[in-house]
C-alpha atoms as a PDB file:
ATOM      1  CA  MET A   1      10.977  40.859 -14.458  1.00  0.00           C
ATOM      2  CA  ALA A   2       8.301  38.223 -15.042  1.00  0.00           C
ATOM      3  CA  GLU A   3       4.586  38.616 -14.382  1.00  0.00           C
ATOM      4  CA  LYS A   4       3.447  40.423 -11.247  1.00  0.00           C
ATOM      5  CA  THR A   5       3.232  38.227  -8.158  1.00  0.00           C
ATOM      6  CA  ASN A   6       2.468  40.848  -5.464  1.00  0.00           C
ATOM      7  CA  LYS A   7       5.392  39.474  -3.510  1.00  0.00           C
ATOM      8  CA  ILE A   8       8.112  41.454  -1.744  1.00  0.00           C
ATOM      9  CA  PHE A   9      11.456  40.121  -0.573  1.00  0.00           C
ATOM     10  CA  ILE A  10      12.543  41.455   2.834  1.00  0.00           C
ATOM     11  CA  SER A  11      16.325  41.678   3.221  1.00  0.00           C
ATOM     12  CA  PHE A  12      17.708  42.077   6.743  1.00  0.00           C
ATOM     13  CA  ALA A  13      20.683  41.240   8.944  1.00  0.00           C
ATOM     14  CA  LEU A  14      20.019  38.410  11.387  1.00  0.00           C
ATOM     15  CA  ARG A  15      20.866  40.718  14.290  1.00  0.00           C
ATOM     16  CA  ASP A  16      17.973  42.916  13.186  1.00  0.00           C
ATOM     17  CA  ARG A  17      15.294  40.246  13.662  1.00  0.00           C
ATOM     18  CA  SER A  18      13.174  42.435  15.985  1.00  0.00           C
ATOM     19  CA  ALA A  19      13.169  45.353  13.509  1.00  0.00           C
ATOM     20  CA  HIS A  20      12.350  42.873  10.733  1.00  0.00           C
ATOM     21  CA  ASP A  21       9.405  41.530  12.733  1.00  0.00           C
ATOM     22  CA  GLN A  22       8.129  45.053  13.337  1.00  0.00           C
ATOM     23  CA  LEU A  23       8.387  45.900   9.618  1.00  0.00           C
ATOM     24  CA  LEU A  24       6.638  42.691   8.616  1.00  0.00           C
ATOM     25  CA  GLU A  25       3.802  43.369  11.057  1.00  0.00           C
ATOM     26  CA  GLN A  26       3.359  46.868   9.614  1.00  0.00           C
ATOM     27  CA  LEU A  27       3.394  45.564   6.045  1.00  0.00           C
ATOM     28  CA  ARG A  28       0.911  42.770   6.716  1.00  0.00           C
ATOM     29  CA  GLU A  29      -1.513  45.199   8.379  1.00  0.00           C
ATOM     30  CA  GLN A  30      -1.417  47.712   5.546  1.00  0.00           C
ATOM     31  CA  THR A  31      -0.868  45.788   2.297  1.00  0.00           C
ATOM     32  CA  LYS A  32      -2.129  42.842   0.301  1.00  0.00           C
ATOM     33  CA  PHE A  33       1.407  41.804  -0.662  1.00  0.00           C
ATOM     34  CA  SER A  34       2.963  38.544   0.458  1.00  0.00           C
ATOM     35  CA  PHE A  35       6.522  38.459   1.719  1.00  0.00           C
ATOM     36  CA  GLU A  36       9.570  36.289   1.184  1.00  0.00           C
ATOM     37  CA  GLU A  37      12.853  36.151   3.028  1.00  0.00           C
ATOM     38  CA  MET A  38      15.824  33.938   3.682  1.00  0.00           C
ATOM     39  CA  PRO A  39      15.678  33.523   7.474  1.00  0.00           C
ATOM     40  CA  VAL A  40      18.706  31.219   7.492  1.00  0.00           C
ATOM     41  CA  LYS A  41      21.712  33.007   6.024  1.00  0.00           C
ATOM     42  CA  GLN A  42      24.423  30.644   4.776  1.00  0.00           C
ATOM     43  CA  SER A  43      26.277  32.931   2.412  1.00  0.00           C
ATOM     44  CA  TRP A  44      29.265  30.568   2.284  1.00  0.00           C
ATOM     45  CA  GLU A  45      27.109  27.794   0.730  1.00  0.00           C
ATOM     46  CA  PRO A  46      26.752  27.841  -3.079  1.00  0.00           C
ATOM     47  CA  SER A  47      23.371  26.057  -2.820  1.00  0.00           C
ATOM     48  CA  TRP A  48      22.089  28.754  -0.436  1.00  0.00           C
ATOM     49  CA  LYS A  49      23.249  31.445  -2.847  1.00  0.00           C
ATOM     50  CA  ASP A  50      21.413  29.745  -5.730  1.00  0.00           C
ATOM     51  CA  GLU A  51      18.227  29.379  -3.676  1.00  0.00           C
ATOM     52  CA  CYS A  52      18.490  33.002  -2.551  1.00  0.00           C
ATOM     53  CA  ARG A  53      18.905  34.243  -6.124  1.00  0.00           C
ATOM     54  CA  GLU A  54      15.803  32.327  -7.245  1.00  0.00           C
ATOM     55  CA  THR A  55      13.729  33.476  -4.268  1.00  0.00           C
ATOM     56  CA  VAL A  56      14.660  37.134  -4.759  1.00  0.00           C
ATOM     57  CA  ARG A  57      13.974  37.003  -8.505  1.00  0.00           C
ATOM     58  CA  GLY A  58      10.552  35.469  -7.846  1.00  0.00           C
ATOM     59  CA  CYS A  59       9.450  38.690  -6.183  1.00  0.00           C
ATOM     60  CA  ASP A  60       8.251  42.028  -7.547  1.00  0.00           C
ATOM     61  CA  GLY A  61      10.609  44.121  -5.428  1.00  0.00           C
ATOM     62  CA  VAL A  62      12.908  44.161  -2.417  1.00  0.00           C
ATOM     63  CA  ILE A  63      12.866  46.112   0.816  1.00  0.00           C
ATOM     64  CA  GLY A  64      16.277  46.216   2.488  1.00  0.00           C
ATOM     65  CA  LEU A  65      16.363  47.003   6.193  1.00  0.00           C
ATOM     66  CA  ILE A  66      19.719  48.759   6.653  1.00  0.00           C
ATOM     67  CA  THR A  67      21.317  49.177  10.081  1.00  0.00           C
ATOM     68  CA  LYS A  68      24.846  49.280  11.468  1.00  0.00           C
ATOM     69  CA  ASN A  69      24.685  45.451  11.338  1.00  0.00           C
ATOM     70  CA  TYR A  70      24.713  45.529   7.513  1.00  0.00           C
ATOM     71  CA  VAL A  71      28.513  45.847   7.552  1.00  0.00           C
ATOM     72  CA  ARG A  72      28.896  42.255   8.804  1.00  0.00           C
ATOM     73  CA  ALA A  73      25.768  40.780   7.202  1.00  0.00           C
ATOM     74  CA  ASP A  74      27.232  38.784   4.294  1.00  0.00           C
ATOM     75  CA  GLY A  75      23.893  37.058   3.667  1.00  0.00           C
ATOM     76  CA  GLN A  76      21.993  40.328   3.438  1.00  0.00           C
ATOM     77  CA  GLN A  77      24.654  41.768   1.168  1.00  0.00           C
ATOM     78  CA  TRP A  78      24.239  38.753  -1.147  1.00  0.00           C
ATOM     79  CA  GLU A  79      20.434  39.160  -1.139  1.00  0.00           C
ATOM     80  CA  LEU A  80      20.769  42.765  -2.262  1.00  0.00           C
ATOM     81  CA  HIS A  81      23.409  41.842  -4.870  1.00  0.00           C
ATOM     82  CA  CYS A  82      20.873  39.398  -6.331  1.00  0.00           C
ATOM     83  CA  ALA A  83      18.216  42.112  -6.492  1.00  0.00           C
ATOM     84  CA  TYR A  84      20.462  44.702  -8.107  1.00  0.00           C
ATOM     85  CA  ASP A  85      21.913  42.139 -10.551  1.00  0.00           C
ATOM     86  CA  ALA A  86      18.347  41.321 -11.622  1.00  0.00           C
ATOM     87  CA  ARG A  87      17.567  45.056 -11.965  1.00  0.00           C
ATOM     88  CA  MET A  88      14.717  44.767  -9.511  1.00  0.00           C
ATOM     89  CA  PRO A  89      13.116  47.704  -7.715  1.00  0.00           C
ATOM     90  CA  VAL A  90      14.800  48.056  -4.313  1.00  0.00           C
ATOM     91  CA  LEU A  91      13.845  50.262  -1.381  1.00  0.00           C
ATOM     92  CA  LEU A  92      16.518  50.691   1.281  1.00  0.00           C
ATOM     93  CA  ILE A  93      15.220  51.937   4.629  1.00  0.00           C
ATOM     94  CA  HIS A  94      16.910  52.812   7.925  1.00  0.00           C
ATOM     95  CA  GLY A  95      16.200  49.984  10.320  1.00  0.00           C
ATOM     96  CA  ASP A  96      16.891  51.880  13.531  1.00  0.00           C
ATOM     97  CA  SER A  97      17.898  55.237  14.900  1.00  0.00           C
ATOM     98  CA  ASP A  98      21.609  54.351  15.252  1.00  0.00           C
ATOM     99  CA  LYS A  99      23.895  56.271  12.956  1.00  0.00           C
ATOM    100  CA  LEU A 100      25.116  54.203  10.033  1.00  0.00           C
ATOM    101  CA  PRO A 101      28.837  53.852   9.350  1.00  0.00           C
ATOM    102  CA  SER A 102      30.144  56.442   6.897  1.00  0.00           C
ATOM    103  CA  LYS A 103      31.069  53.719   4.394  1.00  0.00           C
ATOM    104  CA  LEU A 104      28.766  50.770   3.777  1.00  0.00           C
ATOM    105  CA  PRO A 105      29.795  47.706   1.729  1.00  0.00           C
ATOM    106  CA  GLU A 106      28.411  47.130  -1.739  1.00  0.00           C
ATOM    107  CA  PRO A 107      25.865  46.813  -3.103  1.00  0.00           C
ATOM    108  CA  VAL A 108      24.504  49.508  -0.772  1.00  0.00           C
ATOM    109  CA  GLY A 109      27.652  51.656  -0.843  1.00  0.00           C
ATOM    110  CA  ASP A 110      26.566  55.208  -1.627  1.00  0.00           C
ATOM    111  CA  ARG A 111      22.936  54.406  -2.479  1.00  0.00           C
ATOM    112  CA  GLU A 112      20.209  56.444  -0.839  1.00  0.00           C
ATOM    113  CA  ILE A 113      18.707  54.972   2.322  1.00  0.00           C
ATOM    114  CA  ASP A 114      15.262  56.344   3.080  1.00  0.00           C
ATOM    115  CA  ALA A 115      13.589  56.902   6.419  1.00  0.00           C
ATOM    116  CA  TRP A 116      11.328  54.095   7.592  1.00  0.00           C
ATOM    117  CA  THR A 117       7.972  55.799   7.130  1.00  0.00           C
ATOM    118  CA  TRP A 118       4.703  54.459   5.817  1.00  0.00           C
ATOM    119  CA  PRO A 119       4.483  57.093   3.036  1.00  0.00           C
ATOM    120  CA  THR A 120       7.939  56.032   1.774  1.00  0.00           C
ATOM    121  CA  ILE A 121       7.076  52.332   1.836  1.00  0.00           C
ATOM    122  CA  SER A 122       3.596  52.860   0.380  1.00  0.00           C
ATOM    123  CA  SER A 123       4.966  54.961  -2.477  1.00  0.00           C
ATOM    124  CA  PHE A 124       7.488  52.211  -3.309  1.00  0.00           C
ATOM    125  CA  LEU A 125       4.825  49.479  -3.242  1.00  0.00           C
ATOM    126  CA  ASN A 126       2.461  51.521  -5.408  1.00  0.00           C
ATOM    127  CA  ARG A 127       5.143  51.815  -8.110  1.00  0.00           C
ATOM    128  CA  LEU A 128       5.498  48.041  -8.458  1.00  0.00           C
END
């Protein structure tokens, strides 16, 4: 990864906009980081995929908000593929209290998904 930018990419499914907004509010209140995202998800467009890859790689780490909507969120899946391909630090957190499906698509698959708590998020940010 290049020099530190103090920038975090927030990956989320479009159907999880309200949870995303809540997370962003929490992060802005408690950190000095800036945040990037791809609010329009056009995973079928090669130009969108290229822009997404560059945006993700321009950040210091990624927080992925994982809910039951992840299964159908092709754009979010691409965002996380970009992060893992670039070997970036990624924190996956539960985005709601609904039980997740037993099998999630890659790149999340069998990766650990942490509880959405400030100590978990703060610990991740402090390691960047």
